[in-house]
Amino acid sequence: MAPRRKKIPAAARRQQDLLTRNGEKVAAVYAKRLGRLRENELRRVLRLSRDLDDPVAIAALLETEIQEAYLGKWWQGLYATAGVPAAAASAAALGASAAAGETTLWTQALRNYATQRAGSNISIVTGTWKTSLVKELRVILAEATGVIKLPEGVKPPTYSVEAVARELFARYQGDLKIWQCRRIAQTECLIGMADAGDLAAKEVGIPYTKQWCTSGLSNVRESHAAVDGLVVDQDEPFELPGGLLMYPHDTSLGADASEIINCACACIRQPK
């Protein structure tokens, strides 16, 4: 069918906003969880620095020793927790209630998908964290050696392995942890919810259409505002400047990350 634009009822938009807000609550829990896991991993690796005699060598230690094996289970928990309610809402929108055992099937399917996604993204996520830690470490070393001049009265870090490691851990516990973990959890939570909605709609087996629904917030990106209210068939993608998406947050067709990260849009499915 040819794409067409249709007005989104206020009640439908409010329902999607409610689902998104509930997802954001789940994301906040998992952001804190990821922060604690990373704290423990960083603490473990920095303990190994006690055997070093040069603070510069800590950078190499971070690059080679930091491992985030826990991310797989973290992803699974996030997708299952946020995704099952989204799946139930998607089925209900098509007039179907969750049958006995269906929630269990959705949970397992979401865990399996989370495992696949984690497998292809752990190296990227961990690599970004390592890069940020090394960048902060270089700032600390530059401050300690006087390359970076600090304001008068501010004492520079001591140039020793122990002091530099302690300072790096302290700085990670600040904005770096909060900002990174929140961004990862929010993005992955909304992706999991979107995939869950698609999974449930396909399992229901009722032919449907899809409508793009923005959050209505002032920071909606132009490309998403341009397709707000657009209706396509269930097997047709939405066309955006950054690529094709079967629904908001969809990554299956290789859409650019600029169309996915920090997106709060939703998909409204209606029976044909």
Protein backbone atom coordinates (compact mmCIF):
# COMPACT_ATOMS: atom_id res chain seq x y z
CA MET A 1 0.00 0.00 0.00
CA ALA A 2 1.12 3.57 -0.64
CA PRO A 3 2.25 5.44 2.50
CA ARG A 4 -0.35 7.90 3.79
CA ARG A 5 -0.54 10.26 6.70
CA LYS A 6 -3.25 9.91 9.32
CA LYS A 7 -3.90 11.94 12.43
CA ILE A 8 -2.86 10.19 15.63
CA PRO A 9 -5.63 10.23 18.27
CA ALA A 10 -4.58 11.95 21.48
CA ALA A 11 -5.39 8.83 23.50
CA ALA A 12 -3.12 6.69 21.32
CA ARG A 13 -0.26 9.17 21.67
CA ARG A 14 -0.73 9.26 25.45
CA GLN A 15 -0.64 5.45 25.55
CA GLN A 16 2.65 5.39 23.67
CA ASP A 17 4.08 8.08 25.93
CA LEU A 18 3.08 6.02 28.97
CA LEU A 19 4.85 2.94 27.59
CA THR A 20 7.94 5.04 26.89
CA ARG A 21 7.96 6.52 30.39
CA ASN A 22 7.65 3.06 31.91
CA GLY A 23 10.53 1.95 29.70
CA GLU A 24 12.61 4.88 30.90
CA LYS A 25 12.06 3.72 34.50
CA VAL A 26 13.39 0.29 33.57
CA ALA A 27 16.32 1.92 31.79
CA ALA A 28 17.16 3.95 34.90
CA VAL A 29 17.38 0.76 36.97
CA TYR A 30 19.61 -0.94 34.41
CA ALA A 31 21.78 2.16 34.02
CA LYS A 32 22.59 2.02 37.73
CA ARG A 33 23.21 -1.71 37.47
CA LEU A 34 25.62 -1.20 34.58
CA GLY A 35 27.37 1.54 36.53
CA ARG A 36 27.98 -0.81 39.47
CA LEU A 37 29.20 -3.62 37.20
CA ARG A 38 31.64 -1.26 35.52
CA GLU A 39 32.84 0.08 38.84
CA ASN A 40 33.70 -3.44 39.94
CA GLU A 41 35.48 -4.19 36.66
CA LEU A 42 37.49 -0.98 36.77
CA ARG A 43 38.40 -1.63 40.38
CA ARG A 44 39.58 -5.14 39.44
CA VAL A 45 41.77 -3.90 36.60
CA LEU A 46 43.26 -1.03 38.59
CA ARG A 47 44.33 -3.49 41.28
CA LEU A 48 46.62 -4.96 38.67
CA SER A 49 48.36 -1.59 38.35
CA ARG A 50 50.05 -2.18 41.69
CA ASP A 51 52.64 -4.22 39.81
CA LEU A 52 53.47 -1.29 37.52
CA ASP A 53 56.18 1.31 38.08
CA ASP A 54 55.01 3.87 35.51
CA PRO A 55 51.60 5.63 35.52
CA VAL A 56 51.66 5.81 31.71
CA ALA A 57 51.48 2.01 31.60
CA ILE A 58 47.97 2.12 33.10
CA ALA A 59 46.60 3.06 29.68
CA ALA A 60 47.91 -0.16 28.17
CA LEU A 61 46.51 -2.05 31.14
CA LEU A 62 43.03 -0.64 30.54
CA GLU A 63 43.18 -1.54 26.84
CA THR A 64 44.23 -5.14 27.39
CA GLU A 65 42.59 -6.14 30.66
CA ILE A 66 39.10 -4.59 30.75
CA GLN A 67 36.51 -7.21 29.82
CA GLU A 68 32.73 -6.84 30.09
CA ALA A 69 31.54 -10.44 30.03
CA TYR A 70 28.61 -9.41 32.20
CA LEU A 71 27.06 -7.36 29.38
CA GLY A 72 25.34 -10.39 27.86
CA LYS A 73 23.25 -11.10 30.97
CA TRP A 74 22.71 -7.38 31.51
CA TRP A 75 21.28 -7.08 27.99
CA GLN A 76 19.07 -10.13 28.49
CA GLY A 77 17.58 -8.78 31.70
CA LEU A 78 16.94 -5.35 30.21
CA TYR A 79 15.21 -6.69 27.10
CA ALA A 80 13.02 -9.12 29.03
CA THR A 81 12.03 -6.62 31.72
CA ALA A 82 11.16 -3.80 29.31
CA GLY A 83 10.08 -5.92 26.37
CA VAL A 84 7.37 -8.20 27.75
CA PRO A 85 5.00 -5.32 28.73
CA ALA A 86 5.62 -3.75 25.31
CA ALA A 87 4.81 -7.07 23.62
CA ALA A 88 1.57 -7.39 25.59
CA ALA A 89 0.56 -3.85 24.67
CA SER A 90 1.28 -4.52 20.99
CA ALA A 91 -0.87 -7.67 21.03
CA ALA A 92 -3.67 -5.86 22.85
CA ALA A 93 -3.65 -3.07 20.24
CA LEU A 94 -4.45 -5.71 17.63
CA GLY A 95 -7.29 -7.09 19.75
CA ALA A 96 -5.47 -10.11 21.12
CA SER A 97 -4.77 -10.87 24.76
CA ALA A 98 -1.69 -12.79 25.83
CA ALA A 99 -2.41 -16.50 25.79
CA ALA A 100 -1.17 -18.84 28.51
CA GLY A 101 2.54 -19.40 28.11
CA GLU A 102 2.94 -16.60 25.59
CA THR A 103 4.72 -14.33 28.07
CA THR A 104 7.28 -17.07 28.66
CA LEU A 105 7.83 -17.41 24.92
CA TRP A 106 8.26 -13.65 24.52
CA THR A 107 10.73 -13.57 27.40
CA GLN A 108 12.85 -16.32 25.87
CA ALA A 109 12.68 -14.79 22.41
CA LEU A 110 13.77 -11.40 23.78
CA ARG A 111 16.61 -12.97 25.75
CA ASN A 112 17.79 -14.76 22.61
CA TYR A 113 17.66 -11.54 20.61
CA ALA A 114 19.48 -9.66 23.38
CA THR A 115 22.23 -12.29 23.29
CA GLN A 116 22.63 -11.82 19.53
CA ARG A 117 22.69 -8.04 19.85
CA ALA A 118 25.14 -8.15 22.73
CA GLY A 119 27.40 -10.46 20.77
CA SER A 120 27.74 -7.94 17.95
CA ASN A 121 27.88 -4.84 20.14
CA ILE A 122 29.89 -5.69 23.27
CA SER A 123 33.19 -4.88 21.59
CA ILE A 124 31.85 -1.51 20.47
CA VAL A 125 30.33 -0.62 23.85
CA THR A 126 33.39 -1.75 25.79
CA GLY A 127 35.73 -0.09 23.30
CA THR A 128 33.96 3.24 23.78
CA TRP A 129 34.30 2.90 27.55
CA LYS A 130 38.01 2.07 27.29
CA THR A 131 38.57 5.06 25.01
CA SER A 132 36.88 7.43 27.46
CA LEU A 133 38.90 6.04 30.38
CA VAL A 134 42.19 6.39 28.52
CA LYS A 135 41.25 9.94 27.52
CA GLU A 136 40.55 10.84 31.15
CA LEU A 137 43.77 9.15 32.23
CA ARG A 138 45.77 11.31 29.83
CA VAL A 139 44.16 14.41 31.31
CA ILE A 140 45.16 13.27 34.81
CA LEU A 141 48.74 12.65 33.71
CA ALA A 142 48.89 16.02 31.97
CA GLU A 143 47.67 17.70 35.14
CA ALA A 144 50.15 15.79 37.28
CA THR A 145 53.10 16.75 35.07
CA GLY A 146 52.06 20.37 34.65
CA VAL A 147 51.22 20.12 30.94
CA ILE A 148 47.71 21.23 31.87
CA LYS A 149 47.73 24.20 34.22
CA LEU A 150 45.11 24.01 36.95
CA PRO A 151 43.42 27.06 38.53
CA GLU A 152 45.29 28.69 41.36
CA GLY A 153 44.78 26.83 44.61
CA VAL A 154 43.84 23.53 42.93
CA LYS A 155 46.35 20.83 43.79
CA PRO A 156 47.40 18.64 40.83
CA PRO A 157 47.26 14.83 41.09
CA THR A 158 50.39 13.13 42.37
CA TYR A 159 52.45 11.45 39.64
CA SER A 160 52.50 7.93 41.00
CA VAL A 161 50.80 4.72 39.91
CA GLU A 162 48.70 4.48 43.06
CA ALA A 163 47.62 8.12 43.02
CA VAL A 164 46.80 8.15 39.30
CA ALA A 165 44.78 4.92 39.58
CA ARG A 166 42.87 6.32 42.54
CA GLU A 167 42.15 9.59 40.71
CA LEU A 168 40.95 7.77 37.59
CA PHE A 169 38.52 5.65 39.60
CA ALA A 170 37.20 8.73 41.38
CA ARG A 171 36.57 10.55 38.11
CA TYR A 172 34.82 7.54 36.59
CA GLN A 173 32.37 7.58 39.49
CA GLY A 174 31.27 11.08 38.46
CA ASP A 175 29.63 12.30 35.27
CA LEU A 176 31.43 9.78 33.06
CA LYS A 177 29.61 6.82 34.61
CA ILE A 178 26.22 8.52 34.79
CA TRP A 179 26.28 9.88 31.23
CA GLN A 180 27.54 6.74 29.49
CA CYS A 181 25.45 4.20 31.37
CA ARG A 182 22.28 6.25 31.03
CA ARG A 183 22.73 6.64 27.27
CA ILE A 184 23.41 2.93 26.74
CA ALA A 185 20.52 1.77 28.93
CA GLN A 186 17.97 4.19 27.46
CA THR A 187 18.87 3.39 23.87
CA GLU A 188 18.93 -0.38 24.37
CA CYS A 189 15.76 -0.36 26.45
CA LEU A 190 13.77 1.39 23.71
CA ILE A 191 15.24 -0.91 21.05
CA GLY A 192 14.19 -3.92 23.12
CA MET A 193 10.67 -2.55 23.57
CA ALA A 194 10.36 -1.84 19.85
CA ASP A 195 11.54 -5.32 18.90
CA ALA A 196 9.16 -6.85 21.44
CA GLY A 197 6.23 -4.99 19.92
CA ASP A 198 7.15 -6.27 16.48
CA LEU A 199 7.59 -9.81 17.77
CA ALA A 200 4.16 -9.88 19.41
CA ALA A 201 2.40 -8.34 16.41
CA LYS A 202 3.81 -11.01 14.09
CA GLU A 203 2.86 -13.83 16.47
CA VAL A 204 -0.73 -12.62 16.78
CA GLY A 205 -1.15 -13.24 13.06
CA ILE A 206 -3.66 -10.43 12.45
CA PRO A 207 -2.90 -8.28 9.35
CA TYR A 208 -2.10 -4.74 10.42
CA THR A 209 -0.76 -1.33 9.45
CA LYS A 210 2.00 0.61 11.20
CA GLN A 211 1.96 4.30 12.08
CA TRP A 212 4.99 6.33 13.16
CA CYS A 213 4.33 8.27 16.36
CA THR A 214 6.74 10.85 17.76
CA SER A 215 6.90 11.66 21.44
CA GLY A 216 5.63 15.17 20.86
CA LEU A 217 8.58 16.60 22.79
CA SER A 218 10.35 19.73 21.58
CA ASN A 219 13.57 17.86 20.81
CA VAL A 220 12.09 15.50 18.19
CA ARG A 221 14.58 15.36 15.28
CA GLU A 222 13.40 16.79 11.97
CA SER A 223 13.56 13.49 10.11
CA HIS A 224 11.20 11.90 12.65
CA ALA A 225 8.82 14.84 12.78
CA ALA A 226 8.57 14.54 8.99
CA VAL A 227 7.12 11.01 9.24
CA ASP A 228 4.93 11.57 12.32
CA GLY A 229 1.53 10.05 11.56
CA LEU A 230 2.75 8.24 8.45
CA VAL A 231 1.01 4.88 7.87
CA VAL A 232 2.56 1.96 5.98
CA ASP A 233 1.72 -1.72 5.56
CA GLN A 234 3.10 -4.21 8.10
CA ASP A 235 5.79 -5.44 5.69
CA GLU A 236 6.83 -2.01 4.43
CA PRO A 237 9.64 0.09 5.96
CA PHE A 238 9.57 3.75 6.86
CA GLU A 239 11.96 5.75 4.68
CA LEU A 240 14.13 8.24 6.58
CA PRO A 241 17.27 10.14 5.53
CA GLY A 242 19.39 7.78 7.65
CA GLY A 243 17.97 4.63 6.08
CA LEU A 244 15.01 2.28 6.23
CA LEU A 245 13.34 1.25 9.49
CA MET A 246 10.53 -1.26 9.88
CA TYR A 247 9.52 0.64 13.03
CA PRO A 248 11.15 3.26 15.32
CA HIS A 249 14.42 1.95 16.86
CA ASP A 250 14.68 -0.84 14.27
CA THR A 251 18.26 -1.82 13.45
CA SER A 252 17.57 -4.79 11.16
CA LEU A 253 17.89 -2.86 7.88
CA GLY A 254 21.10 -1.05 8.79
CA ALA A 255 19.66 2.39 9.54
CA ASP A 256 22.18 4.97 10.70
CA ALA A 257 22.63 5.31 14.46
CA SER A 258 21.56 8.96 14.17
CA GLU A 259 18.00 7.73 13.56
CA ILE A 260 18.03 5.44 16.61
CA ILE A 261 20.07 6.82 19.52
CA ASN A 262 18.05 9.02 21.91
CA CYS A 263 14.89 8.46 19.84
CA ALA A 264 11.64 8.38 21.84
CA CYS A 265 9.29 7.58 18.95
CA ALA A 266 6.91 4.62 18.94
CA CYS A 267 4.96 2.46 16.50
CA ILE A 268 1.16 2.27 16.55
CA ARG A 269 -0.19 -0.93 15.00
CA GLN A 270 -3.84 -1.23 13.98
CA PRO A 271 -5.76 -4.14 12.43
CA LYS A 272 -6.52 -3.72 8.75
